Full PDB file with SEQRES, HELIX, SHEET, SSBOND, CRYST1, ORIGX, SCALE, CONECT and MASTER records, all heavy atoms in Angstrom:
SEQRES   1 A   34  PHE ALA ILE PRO ALA GLY ALA THR ILE THR GLY VAL THR          
SEQRES   2 A   34  VAL THR TYR ARG GLY LYS VAL SER ASN ASP ALA VAL THR          
SEQRES   3 A   34  GLY ASN LEU ARG LEU ARG ASP ILE                              
HELIX    1 AA1 ASP A   23  VAL A   25  5                                   3    
CRYST1    1.000    1.000    1.000  90.00  90.00  90.00 P 1           1          
ORIGX1      1.000000  0.000000  0.000000        0.00000                         
ORIGX2      0.000000  1.000000  0.000000        0.00000                         
ORIGX3      0.000000  0.000000  1.000000        0.00000                         
SCALE1      1.000000  0.000000  0.000000        0.00000                         
SCALE2      0.000000  1.000000  0.000000        0.00000                         
SCALE3      0.000000  0.000000  1.000000        0.00000                         
ATOM      1  N   PHE A   1     113.969  46.080  86.751  1.00  0.00           N  
ATOM      2  CA  PHE A   1     114.057  46.795  88.011  1.00  0.00           C  
ATOM      3  C   PHE A   1     113.181  46.100  89.072  1.00  0.00           C  
ATOM      4  O   PHE A   1     112.060  45.654  88.732  1.00  0.00           O  
ATOM      5  CB  PHE A   1     113.633  48.280  87.843  1.00  0.00           C  
ATOM      6  CG  PHE A   1     114.503  49.046  86.927  1.00  0.00           C  
ATOM      7  CD1 PHE A   1     114.009  49.540  85.731  1.00  0.00           C  
ATOM      8  CD2 PHE A   1     115.812  49.272  87.247  1.00  0.00           C  
ATOM      9  CE1 PHE A   1     114.820  50.280  84.886  1.00  0.00           C  
ATOM     10  CE2 PHE A   1     116.609  50.002  86.384  1.00  0.00           C  
ATOM     11  CZ  PHE A   1     116.117  50.513  85.227  1.00  0.00           C  
ATOM     12  N   ALA A   2     113.614  46.115  90.281  1.00  0.00           N  
ATOM     13  CA  ALA A   2     112.874  45.541  91.398  1.00  0.00           C  
ATOM     14  C   ALA A   2     112.603  46.734  92.357  1.00  0.00           C  
ATOM     15  O   ALA A   2     113.429  46.992  93.241  1.00  0.00           O  
ATOM     16  CB  ALA A   2     113.608  44.413  92.080  1.00  0.00           C  
ATOM     17  N   ILE A   3     111.504  47.383  92.167  1.00  0.00           N  
ATOM     18  CA  ILE A   3     111.166  48.571  92.959  1.00  0.00           C  
ATOM     19  C   ILE A   3     110.243  48.113  94.065  1.00  0.00           C  
ATOM     20  O   ILE A   3     109.113  47.671  93.796  1.00  0.00           O  
ATOM     21  CB  ILE A   3     110.551  49.704  92.110  1.00  0.00           C  
ATOM     22  CG1 ILE A   3     111.599  50.101  91.001  1.00  0.00           C  
ATOM     23  CG2 ILE A   3     110.169  50.903  92.952  1.00  0.00           C  
ATOM     24  CD1 ILE A   3     111.003  50.984  89.958  1.00  0.00           C  
ATOM     25  N   PRO A   4     110.654  48.279  95.320  1.00  0.00           N  
ATOM     26  CA  PRO A   4     109.841  47.826  96.436  1.00  0.00           C  
ATOM     27  C   PRO A   4     108.521  48.577  96.496  1.00  0.00           C  
ATOM     28  O   PRO A   4     108.413  49.746  96.220  1.00  0.00           O  
ATOM     29  CB  PRO A   4     110.697  48.121  97.662  1.00  0.00           C  
ATOM     30  CG  PRO A   4     112.067  48.309  97.136  1.00  0.00           C  
ATOM     31  CD  PRO A   4     111.913  48.829  95.768  1.00  0.00           C  
ATOM     32  N   ALA A   5     107.462  47.885  96.993  1.00  0.00           N  
ATOM     33  CA  ALA A   5     106.141  48.554  97.221  1.00  0.00           C  
ATOM     34  C   ALA A   5     106.335  49.694  98.153  1.00  0.00           C  
ATOM     35  O   ALA A   5     107.079  49.576  99.143  1.00  0.00           O  
ATOM     36  CB  ALA A   5     105.172  47.534  97.762  1.00  0.00           C  
ATOM     37  N   GLY A   6     105.732  50.793  97.869  1.00  0.00           N  
ATOM     38  CA  GLY A   6     105.765  52.002  98.741  1.00  0.00           C  
ATOM     39  C   GLY A   6     107.034  52.865  98.513  1.00  0.00           C  
ATOM     40  O   GLY A   6     107.191  53.878  99.142  1.00  0.00           O  
ATOM     41  N   ALA A   7     107.931  52.404  97.658  1.00  0.00           N  
ATOM     42  CA  ALA A   7     109.142  53.182  97.379  1.00  0.00           C  
ATOM     43  C   ALA A   7     108.837  54.459  96.595  1.00  0.00           C  
ATOM     44  O   ALA A   7     107.850  54.496  95.842  1.00  0.00           O  
ATOM     45  CB  ALA A   7     110.155  52.339  96.607  1.00  0.00           C  
ATOM     46  N   THR A   8     109.641  55.488  96.786  1.00  0.00           N  
ATOM     47  CA  THR A   8     109.482  56.714  96.029  1.00  0.00           C  
ATOM     48  C   THR A   8     110.648  56.800  95.047  1.00  0.00           C  
ATOM     49  O   THR A   8     111.794  56.778  95.489  1.00  0.00           O  
ATOM     50  CB  THR A   8     109.472  57.931  96.960  1.00  0.00           C  
ATOM     51  OG1 THR A   8     108.391  57.779  97.858  1.00  0.00           O  
ATOM     52  CG2 THR A   8     109.350  59.217  96.175  1.00  0.00           C  
ATOM     53  N   ILE A   9     110.338  56.943  93.793  1.00  0.00           N  
ATOM     54  CA  ILE A   9     111.365  57.173  92.792  1.00  0.00           C  
ATOM     55  C   ILE A   9     111.699  58.619  92.729  1.00  0.00           C  
ATOM     56  O   ILE A   9     110.861  59.493  92.525  1.00  0.00           O  
ATOM     57  CB  ILE A   9     110.886  56.669  91.378  1.00  0.00           C  
ATOM     58  CG1 ILE A   9     110.565  55.176  91.449  1.00  0.00           C  
ATOM     59  CG2 ILE A   9     111.947  56.926  90.334  1.00  0.00           C  
ATOM     60  CD1 ILE A   9     109.864  54.618  90.238  1.00  0.00           C  
ATOM     61  N   THR A  10     112.991  58.963  93.003  1.00  0.00           N  
ATOM     62  CA  THR A  10     113.433  60.328  93.056  1.00  0.00           C  
ATOM     63  C   THR A  10     114.251  60.731  91.848  1.00  0.00           C  
ATOM     64  O   THR A  10     114.511  61.905  91.648  1.00  0.00           O  
ATOM     65  CB  THR A  10     114.232  60.616  94.335  1.00  0.00           C  
ATOM     66  OG1 THR A  10     115.356  59.742  94.366  1.00  0.00           O  
ATOM     67  CG2 THR A  10     113.391  60.394  95.542  1.00  0.00           C  
ATOM     68  N   GLY A  11     114.685  59.780  91.049  1.00  0.00           N  
ATOM     69  CA  GLY A  11     115.502  60.115  89.917  1.00  0.00           C  
ATOM     70  C   GLY A  11     115.874  58.909  89.078  1.00  0.00           C  
ATOM     71  O   GLY A  11     115.802  57.775  89.518  1.00  0.00           O  
ATOM     72  N   VAL A  12     116.210  59.138  87.799  1.00  0.00           N  
ATOM     73  CA  VAL A  12     116.603  58.095  86.900  1.00  0.00           C  
ATOM     74  C   VAL A  12     117.810  58.575  86.161  1.00  0.00           C  
ATOM     75  O   VAL A  12     117.897  59.677  85.610  1.00  0.00           O  
ATOM     76  CB  VAL A  12     115.509  57.797  85.844  1.00  0.00           C  
ATOM     77  CG1 VAL A  12     115.958  56.808  84.790  1.00  0.00           C  
ATOM     78  CG2 VAL A  12     114.219  57.339  86.511  1.00  0.00           C  
ATOM     79  N   THR A  13     118.842  57.726  86.175  1.00  0.00           N  
ATOM     80  CA  THR A  13     120.084  57.999  85.455  1.00  0.00           C  
ATOM     81  C   THR A  13     120.174  56.968  84.299  1.00  0.00           C  
ATOM     82  O   THR A  13     120.036  55.772  84.564  1.00  0.00           O  
ATOM     83  CB  THR A  13     121.312  57.826  86.359  1.00  0.00           C  
ATOM     84  OG1 THR A  13     121.158  58.733  87.475  1.00  0.00           O  
ATOM     85  CG2 THR A  13     122.597  58.132  85.646  1.00  0.00           C  
ATOM     86  N   VAL A  14     120.489  57.425  83.106  1.00  0.00           N  
ATOM     87  CA  VAL A  14     120.693  56.590  81.957  1.00  0.00           C  
ATOM     88  C   VAL A  14     122.117  56.798  81.517  1.00  0.00           C  
ATOM     89  O   VAL A  14     122.577  57.940  81.288  1.00  0.00           O  
ATOM     90  CB  VAL A  14     119.705  56.938  80.802  1.00  0.00           C  
ATOM     91  CG1 VAL A  14     120.087  56.146  79.559  1.00  0.00           C  
ATOM     92  CG2 VAL A  14     118.288  56.620  81.261  1.00  0.00           C  
ATOM     93  N   THR A  15     122.840  55.685  81.379  1.00  0.00           N  
ATOM     94  CA  THR A  15     124.223  55.736  80.916  1.00  0.00           C  
ATOM     95  C   THR A  15     124.340  54.917  79.649  1.00  0.00           C  
ATOM     96  O   THR A  15     123.849  53.790  79.571  1.00  0.00           O  
ATOM     97  CB  THR A  15     125.182  55.165  82.015  1.00  0.00           C  
ATOM     98  OG1 THR A  15     124.997  55.893  83.229  1.00  0.00           O  
ATOM     99  CG2 THR A  15     126.629  55.259  81.575  1.00  0.00           C  
ATOM    100  N   TYR A  16     125.045  55.460  78.632  1.00  0.00           N  
ATOM    101  CA  TYR A  16     125.184  54.737  77.391  1.00  0.00           C  
ATOM    102  C   TYR A  16     126.560  55.103  76.767  1.00  0.00           C  
ATOM    103  O   TYR A  16     127.163  56.098  77.204  1.00  0.00           O  
ATOM    104  CB  TYR A  16     124.072  55.002  76.411  1.00  0.00           C  
ATOM    105  CG  TYR A  16     123.929  56.448  76.079  1.00  0.00           C  
ATOM    106  CD1 TYR A  16     124.549  57.011  74.949  1.00  0.00           C  
ATOM    107  CD2 TYR A  16     123.204  57.310  76.871  1.00  0.00           C  
ATOM    108  CE1 TYR A  16     124.420  58.354  74.650  1.00  0.00           C  
ATOM    109  CE2 TYR A  16     123.024  58.677  76.559  1.00  0.00           C  
ATOM    110  CZ  TYR A  16     123.695  59.148  75.452  1.00  0.00           C  
ATOM    111  OH  TYR A  16     123.591  60.490  75.153  1.00  0.00           O  
ATOM    112  N   ARG A  17     127.025  54.305  75.848  1.00  0.00           N  
ATOM    113  CA  ARG A  17     128.265  54.555  75.223  1.00  0.00           C  
ATOM    114  C   ARG A  17     128.036  54.695  73.711  1.00  0.00           C  
ATOM    115  O   ARG A  17     127.161  54.136  73.153  1.00  0.00           O  
ATOM    116  CB  ARG A  17     129.270  53.412  75.438  1.00  0.00           C  
ATOM    117  CG  ARG A  17     129.623  53.324  76.900  1.00  0.00           C  
ATOM    118  CD  ARG A  17     130.578  52.275  77.252  1.00  0.00           C  
ATOM    119  NE  ARG A  17     131.173  51.550  76.180  1.00  0.00           N  
ATOM    120  CZ  ARG A  17     131.675  50.308  76.271  1.00  0.00           C  
ATOM    121  NH1 ARG A  17     131.510  49.664  77.382  1.00  0.00           N  
ATOM    122  NH2 ARG A  17     132.255  49.701  75.262  1.00  0.00           N  
ATOM    123  N   GLY A  18     128.909  55.485  73.099  1.00  0.00           N  
ATOM    124  CA  GLY A  18     128.798  55.649  71.646  1.00  0.00           C  
ATOM    125  C   GLY A  18     130.118  56.220  71.057  1.00  0.00           C  
ATOM    126  O   GLY A  18     130.944  56.773  71.738  1.00  0.00           O  
ATOM    127  N   LYS A  19     130.199  56.031  69.737  1.00  0.00           N  
ATOM    128  CA  LYS A  19     131.341  56.534  68.986  1.00  0.00           C  
ATOM    129  C   LYS A  19     131.013  56.489  67.499  1.00  0.00           C  
ATOM    130  O   LYS A  19     130.043  55.814  67.137  1.00  0.00           O  
ATOM    131  CB  LYS A  19     132.618  55.792  69.274  1.00  0.00           C  
ATOM    132  CG  LYS A  19     132.674  54.396  68.710  1.00  0.00           C  
ATOM    133  CD  LYS A  19     134.036  53.778  68.978  1.00  0.00           C  
ATOM    134  CE  LYS A  19     134.141  52.450  68.279  1.00  0.00           C  
ATOM    135  NZ  LYS A  19     135.508  51.901  68.349  1.00  0.00           N  
ATOM    136  N   VAL A  20     131.767  57.161  66.690  1.00  0.00           N  
ATOM    137  CA  VAL A  20     131.725  56.945  65.255  1.00  0.00           C  
ATOM    138  C   VAL A  20     132.968  56.193  64.833  1.00  0.00           C  
ATOM    139  O   VAL A  20     133.991  56.313  65.475  1.00  0.00           O  
ATOM    140  CB  VAL A  20     131.586  58.299  64.439  1.00  0.00           C  
ATOM    141  CG1 VAL A  20     130.297  59.000  64.809  1.00  0.00           C  
ATOM    142  CG2 VAL A  20     132.768  59.178  64.730  1.00  0.00           C  
ATOM    143  N   SER A  21     132.846  55.444  63.777  1.00  0.00           N  
ATOM    144  CA  SER A  21     134.014  54.660  63.344  1.00  0.00           C  
ATOM    145  C   SER A  21     134.664  55.230  62.089  1.00  0.00           C  
ATOM    146  O   SER A  21     135.624  54.667  61.596  1.00  0.00           O  
ATOM    147  CB  SER A  21     133.620  53.197  63.087  1.00  0.00           C  
ATOM    148  OG  SER A  21     132.648  53.121  62.133  1.00  0.00           O  
ATOM    149  N   ASN A  22     134.160  56.357  61.642  1.00  0.00           N  
ATOM    150  CA  ASN A  22     134.619  56.947  60.377  1.00  0.00           C  
ATOM    151  C   ASN A  22     134.895  58.402  60.585  1.00  0.00           C  
ATOM    152  O   ASN A  22     133.974  59.170  60.908  1.00  0.00           O  
ATOM    153  CB  ASN A  22     133.536  56.672  59.319  1.00  0.00           C  
ATOM    154  CG  ASN A  22     133.928  57.251  57.957  1.00  0.00           C  
ATOM    155  OD1 ASN A  22     134.796  58.087  57.878  1.00  0.00           O  
ATOM    156  ND2 ASN A  22     133.222  56.773  56.976  1.00  0.00           N  
ATOM    157  N   ASP A  23     136.095  58.850  60.401  1.00  0.00           N  
ATOM    158  CA  ASP A  23     136.400  60.275  60.611  1.00  0.00           C  
ATOM    159  C   ASP A  23     135.599  61.218  59.726  1.00  0.00           C  
ATOM    160  O   ASP A  23     135.415  62.358  60.036  1.00  0.00           O  
ATOM    161  CB  ASP A  23     137.908  60.536  60.353  1.00  0.00           C  
ATOM    162  CG  ASP A  23     138.777  60.137  61.562  1.00  0.00           C  
ATOM    163  OD1 ASP A  23     138.280  60.239  62.681  1.00  0.00           O  
ATOM    164  OD2 ASP A  23     139.927  59.711  61.350  1.00  0.00           O  
ATOM    165  N   ALA A  24     135.125  60.682  58.592  1.00  0.00           N  
ATOM    166  CA  ALA A  24     134.348  61.532  57.662  1.00  0.00           C  
ATOM    167  C   ALA A  24     133.060  62.046  58.282  1.00  0.00           C  
ATOM    168  O   ALA A  24     132.516  63.072  57.854  1.00  0.00           O  
ATOM    169  CB  ALA A  24     134.046  60.750  56.384  1.00  0.00           C  
ATOM    170  N   VAL A  25     132.532  61.336  59.270  1.00  0.00           N  
ATOM    171  CA  VAL A  25     131.285  61.778  59.905  1.00  0.00           C  
ATOM    172  C   VAL A  25     131.490  62.385  61.256  1.00  0.00           C  
ATOM    173  O   VAL A  25     130.507  62.860  61.861  1.00  0.00           O  
ATOM    174  CB  VAL A  25     130.223  60.663  59.935  1.00  0.00           C  
ATOM    175  CG1 VAL A  25     129.818  60.235  58.562  1.00  0.00           C  
ATOM    176  CG2 VAL A  25     130.717  59.481  60.752  1.00  0.00           C  
ATOM    177  N   THR A  26     132.732  62.378  61.774  1.00  0.00           N  
ATOM    178  CA  THR A  26     132.983  63.037  63.087  1.00  0.00           C  
ATOM    179  C   THR A  26     132.548  64.445  63.035  1.00  0.00           C  
ATOM    180  O   THR A  26     132.866  65.156  62.083  1.00  0.00           O  
ATOM    181  CB  THR A  26     134.500  62.880  63.418  1.00  0.00           C  
ATOM    182  OG1 THR A  26     134.810  61.511  63.507  1.00  0.00           O  
ATOM    183  CG2 THR A  26     134.815  63.558  64.726  1.00  0.00           C  
ATOM    184  N   GLY A  27     131.886  64.911  64.018  1.00  0.00           N  
ATOM    185  CA  GLY A  27     131.373  66.259  64.065  1.00  0.00           C  
ATOM    186  C   GLY A  27     130.038  66.423  63.451  1.00  0.00           C  
ATOM    187  O   GLY A  27     129.470  67.509  63.514  1.00  0.00           O  
ATOM    188  N   ASN A  28     129.519  65.395  62.872  1.00  0.00           N  
ATOM    189  CA  ASN A  28     128.175  65.472  62.237  1.00  0.00           C  
ATOM    190  C   ASN A  28     127.140  64.604  62.904  1.00  0.00           C  
ATOM    191  O   ASN A  28     125.965  64.628  62.509  1.00  0.00           O  
ATOM    192  CB  ASN A  28     128.273  65.086  60.754  1.00  0.00           C  
ATOM    193  CG  ASN A  28     129.112  66.030  59.980  1.00  0.00           C  
ATOM    194  OD1 ASN A  28     129.083  67.223  60.201  1.00  0.00           O  
ATOM    195  ND2 ASN A  28     129.936  65.519  59.096  1.00  0.00           N  
ATOM    196  N   LEU A  29     127.534  63.721  63.840  1.00  0.00           N  
ATOM    197  CA  LEU A  29     126.581  62.787  64.423  1.00  0.00           C  
ATOM    198  C   LEU A  29     126.448  63.055  65.899  1.00  0.00           C  
ATOM    199  O   LEU A  29     127.376  63.236  66.609  1.00  0.00           O  
ATOM    200  CB  LEU A  29     127.068  61.355  64.212  1.00  0.00           C  
ATOM    201  CG  LEU A  29     127.072  60.815  62.814  1.00  0.00           C  
ATOM    202  CD1 LEU A  29     127.666  59.426  62.754  1.00  0.00           C  
ATOM    203  CD2 LEU A  29     125.679  60.776  62.271  1.00  0.00           C  
ATOM    204  N   ARG A  30     125.208  62.991  66.350  1.00  0.00           N  
ATOM    205  CA  ARG A  30     124.895  63.037  67.733  1.00  0.00           C  
ATOM    206  C   ARG A  30     123.702  62.232  68.079  1.00  0.00           C  
ATOM    207  O   ARG A  30     122.872  61.906  67.181  1.00  0.00           O  
ATOM    208  CB  ARG A  30     124.720  64.503  68.226  1.00  0.00           C  
ATOM    209  CG  ARG A  30     123.365  65.097  67.796  1.00  0.00           C  
ATOM    210  CD  ARG A  30     123.255  66.520  68.224  1.00  0.00           C  
ATOM    211  NE  ARG A  30     124.190  67.273  67.437  1.00  0.00           N  
ATOM    212  CZ  ARG A  30     124.147  68.569  67.346  1.00  0.00           C  
ATOM    213  NH1 ARG A  30     123.345  69.279  68.065  1.00  0.00           N  
ATOM    214  NH2 ARG A  30     124.984  69.223  66.552  1.00  0.00           N  
ATOM    215  N   LEU A  31     123.583  61.829  69.295  1.00  0.00           N  
ATOM    216  CA  LEU A  31     122.355  61.093  69.720  1.00  0.00           C  
ATOM    217  C   LEU A  31     121.359  62.121  70.181  1.00  0.00           C  
ATOM    218  O   LEU A  31     121.617  62.864  71.110  1.00  0.00           O  
ATOM    219  CB  LEU A  31     122.695  60.099  70.836  1.00  0.00           C  
ATOM    220  CG  LEU A  31     123.703  59.071  70.410  1.00  0.00           C  
ATOM    221  CD1 LEU A  31     124.096  58.164  71.622  1.00  0.00           C  
ATOM    222  CD2 LEU A  31     123.148  58.152  69.298  1.00  0.00           C  
ATOM    223  N   ARG A  32     120.233  62.194  69.549  1.00  0.00           N  
ATOM    224  CA  ARG A  32     119.254  63.253  69.800  1.00  0.00           C  
ATOM    225  C   ARG A  32     118.218  62.845  70.808  1.00  0.00           C  
ATOM    226  O   ARG A  32     118.348  63.067  71.962  1.00  0.00           O  
ATOM    227  CB  ARG A  32     118.576  63.629  68.483  1.00  0.00           C  
ATOM    228  CG  ARG A  32     119.468  64.391  67.533  1.00  0.00           C  
ATOM    229  CD  ARG A  32     118.693  64.864  66.373  1.00  0.00           C  
ATOM    230  NE  ARG A  32     117.392  65.383  66.773  1.00  0.00           N  
ATOM    231  CZ  ARG A  32     116.305  65.317  66.027  1.00  0.00           C  
ATOM    232  NH1 ARG A  32     116.373  64.816  64.822  1.00  0.00           N  
ATOM    233  NH2 ARG A  32     115.133  65.771  66.450  1.00  0.00           N  
ATOM    234  N   ASP A  33     117.163  62.288  70.369  1.00  0.00           N  
ATOM    235  CA  ASP A  33     115.987  62.069  71.205  1.00  0.00           C  
ATOM    236  C   ASP A  33     116.189  60.934  72.200  1.00  0.00           C  
ATOM    237  O   ASP A  33     116.189  59.782  71.828  1.00  0.00           O  
ATOM    238  CB  ASP A  33     114.755  61.775  70.338  1.00  0.00           C  
ATOM    239  CG  ASP A  33     114.460  62.904  69.390  1.00  0.00           C  
ATOM    240  OD1 ASP A  33     114.746  64.076  69.744  1.00  0.00           O  
ATOM    241  OD2 ASP A  33     113.975  62.688  68.274  1.00  0.00           O  
ATOM    242  N   ILE A  34     116.401  61.357  73.459  1.00  0.00           N  
ATOM    243  CA  ILE A  34     116.639  60.358  74.533  1.00  0.00           C  
ATOM    244  C   ILE A  34     115.521  60.560  75.539  1.00  0.00           C  
ATOM    245  O   ILE A  34     115.478  61.542  76.271  1.00  0.00           O  
ATOM    246  CB  ILE A  34     118.006  60.544  75.210  1.00  0.00           C  
ATOM    247  CG1 ILE A  34     119.123  60.494  74.134  1.00  0.00           C  
ATOM    248  CG2 ILE A  34     118.207  59.540  76.291  1.00  0.00           C  
ATOM    249  CD1 ILE A  34     120.467  60.926  74.575  1.00  0.00           C  
TER     250      ILE A  34                                                      
MASTER        0    0    0    1    0    0    0    6  249    1    0    3          
END                                                                             
């Protein structure tokens, strides 16, 4: 990141992608601690 001197940070957005590749675990997996 290139944050200019004196700038005010008002928010942070994090975007990510995910999936499971096995139907056996669908419904059992989630990304927790972010």
